Amino acid sequence: MAALGGSSWVLAHGHSVHFSLHATMATKKLKEVSGTKPEETAATDAAPAAKRLPLKTLRVDDCSASIWGRDQMVRGEMRSFFSVTFERSYKDRDGAWKYTRSFDGDSLGKLVTLCQQASEAIESLRDQVGS
């Protein structure tokens, strides 16, 4: 069973995992403008950015955990890092599906289960990439 400590979880197998419930996955692209023609820059700016997708999404009833990955150079070595976002789905009065990052008391047990599953999935992803 997991024990809550702030935004960190200490899992039964001794690993501690830090999850941000309000993580935002935004990437800034730096552009080198020198030497480019204005029409080349405008064409680059007009191209739609590719939507990032999670590596894996886990579900327990109306709650889900999405696992995101990114590679970053650290001290001359490429490293893989993982983060998790949580979401709850519900239907509004008109029957349309909506999504929120707020959770009620009934969702807390589902979040604990998702944290455990996400921890195991990240461990498996780390084994695959060797980091």
Protein backbone atom coordinates (compact mmCIF):
# COMPACT_ATOMS: atom_id res chain seq x y z
CA MET A 1 0.00 0.00 0.00
CA ALA A 2 1.23 3.53 -0.71
CA ALA A 3 1.55 6.27 1.89
CA LEU A 4 1.00 9.90 0.95
CA GLY A 5 3.72 12.40 1.83
CA GLY A 6 3.01 15.79 0.24
CA SER A 7 3.16 15.19 -3.50
CA SER A 8 5.45 12.18 -3.10
CA TRP A 9 4.48 8.57 -2.62
CA VAL A 10 6.55 5.95 -0.85
CA LEU A 11 5.54 2.64 -2.36
CA ALA A 12 5.57 -0.79 -0.74
CA HIS A 13 8.65 -1.91 -2.71
CA GLY A 14 10.69 0.98 -1.27
CA HIS A 15 10.72 3.30 -4.28
CA SER A 16 9.56 6.84 -3.82
CA VAL A 17 7.75 8.50 -6.70
CA HIS A 18 6.98 12.20 -7.12
CA PHE A 19 3.88 13.11 -9.11
CA SER A 20 2.59 16.55 -9.98
CA LEU A 21 -1.19 16.66 -10.22
CA HIS A 22 -1.05 19.91 -12.16
CA ALA A 23 1.89 19.23 -14.49
CA THR A 24 1.86 21.06 -17.78
CA MET A 25 3.68 19.61 -20.71
CA ALA A 26 4.73 22.67 -22.71
CA THR A 27 7.80 22.75 -24.89
CA LYS A 28 9.47 25.91 -26.09
CA LYS A 29 11.35 25.77 -29.35
CA LEU A 30 14.26 28.11 -29.74
CA LYS A 31 14.71 29.42 -33.25
CA GLU A 32 17.90 30.70 -34.75
CA VAL A 33 16.78 33.67 -36.79
CA SER A 34 20.12 34.85 -38.16
CA GLY A 35 20.56 33.89 -41.80
CA THR A 36 16.90 33.05 -42.45
CA LYS A 37 14.71 34.93 -44.86
CA PRO A 38 11.47 36.46 -43.50
CA GLU A 39 9.35 34.20 -45.70
CA GLU A 40 11.15 31.10 -44.35
CA THR A 41 10.43 32.17 -40.77
CA ALA A 42 6.77 32.87 -41.57
CA ALA A 43 6.38 29.46 -43.22
CA THR A 44 7.93 27.76 -40.19
CA ASP A 45 5.66 29.67 -37.80
CA ALA A 46 2.57 28.72 -39.83
CA ALA A 47 3.26 24.96 -39.59
CA PRO A 48 1.07 23.37 -36.89
CA ALA A 49 2.92 21.89 -33.93
CA ALA A 50 2.63 18.14 -33.57
CA LYS A 51 0.51 17.17 -30.55
CA ARG A 52 2.43 15.20 -27.96
CA LEU A 53 0.84 11.97 -26.87
CA PRO A 54 1.41 10.12 -23.60
CA LEU A 55 3.57 7.01 -23.65
CA LYS A 56 0.83 5.14 -21.81
CA THR A 57 -2.57 5.85 -20.28
CA LEU A 58 -3.90 3.82 -17.37
CA ARG A 59 -7.58 3.80 -16.34
CA VAL A 60 -9.56 2.89 -13.25
CA ASP A 61 -13.26 3.58 -13.80
CA ASP A 62 -13.62 7.33 -14.44
CA CYS A 63 -10.02 8.23 -13.47
CA SER A 64 -6.93 8.01 -15.65
CA ALA A 65 -3.18 8.50 -15.37
CA SER A 66 -1.15 9.47 -18.43
CA ILE A 67 2.59 8.79 -18.42
CA TRP A 68 4.74 11.26 -20.33
CA GLY A 69 8.36 10.89 -21.29
CA ARG A 70 11.10 13.25 -22.34
CA ASP A 71 14.78 12.84 -23.10
CA GLN A 72 17.27 15.39 -21.85
CA MET A 73 21.04 15.73 -21.99
CA VAL A 74 22.51 15.63 -18.48
CA ARG A 75 26.27 16.04 -18.08
CA GLY A 76 26.87 14.89 -21.62
CA GLU A 77 24.63 11.83 -21.32
CA MET A 78 21.11 11.46 -22.71
CA ARG A 79 18.65 10.62 -19.91
CA SER A 80 14.97 9.70 -19.98
CA PHE A 81 12.57 11.34 -17.53
CA PHE A 82 8.95 10.46 -16.86
CA SER A 83 6.02 12.35 -15.37
CA VAL A 84 2.37 11.56 -14.73
CA THR A 85 -0.82 13.60 -15.09
CA PHE A 86 -4.16 12.57 -13.61
CA GLU A 87 -7.64 13.22 -14.96
CA ARG A 88 -11.24 12.34 -14.13
CA SER A 89 -14.00 12.10 -16.75
CA TYR A 90 -17.68 12.82 -16.24
CA LYS A 91 -20.79 13.62 -18.26
CA ASP A 92 -22.35 17.06 -18.04
CA ARG A 93 -26.11 17.75 -17.97
CA ASP A 94 -26.31 17.45 -21.76
CA GLY A 95 -24.56 14.07 -21.75
CA ALA A 96 -21.30 15.40 -23.22
CA TRP A 97 -18.06 13.99 -21.82
CA LYS A 98 -15.98 16.48 -19.81
CA TYR A 99 -12.59 16.12 -18.14
CA THR A 100 -11.23 17.61 -14.93
CA ARG A 101 -8.11 17.44 -12.82
CA SER A 102 -10.14 17.79 -9.61
CA PHE A 103 -11.01 14.69 -7.61
CA ASP A 104 -13.66 14.00 -5.02
CA GLY A 105 -13.31 11.71 -2.03
CA ASP A 106 -14.67 8.75 -3.98
CA SER A 107 -11.79 9.10 -6.46
CA LEU A 108 -8.94 8.98 -3.94
CA GLY A 109 -8.72 5.18 -3.78
CA LYS A 110 -8.65 5.09 -7.59
CA LEU A 111 -5.80 7.61 -7.56
CA VAL A 112 -3.80 5.45 -5.15
CA THR A 113 -4.29 2.46 -7.46
CA LEU A 114 -3.29 4.56 -10.49
CA CYS A 115 -0.17 5.82 -8.68
CA GLN A 116 0.90 2.25 -7.97
CA GLN A 117 0.21 1.18 -11.58
CA ALA A 118 2.02 4.25 -12.94
CA SER A 119 5.03 3.53 -10.75
CA GLU A 120 5.22 -0.02 -12.09
CA ALA A 121 4.76 1.17 -15.69
CA ILE A 122 7.53 3.78 -15.29
CA GLU A 123 9.82 1.15 -13.80
CA SER A 124 9.16 -1.02 -16.86
CA LEU A 125 9.81 1.93 -19.21
CA ARG A 126 13.09 2.66 -17.40
CA ASP A 127 14.13 -0.97 -17.87
CA GLN A 128 13.39 -0.67 -21.60
CA VAL A 129 15.46 2.51 -22.07
CA GLY A 130 18.14 1.54 -19.55
CA SER A 131 18.08 4.76 -17.48
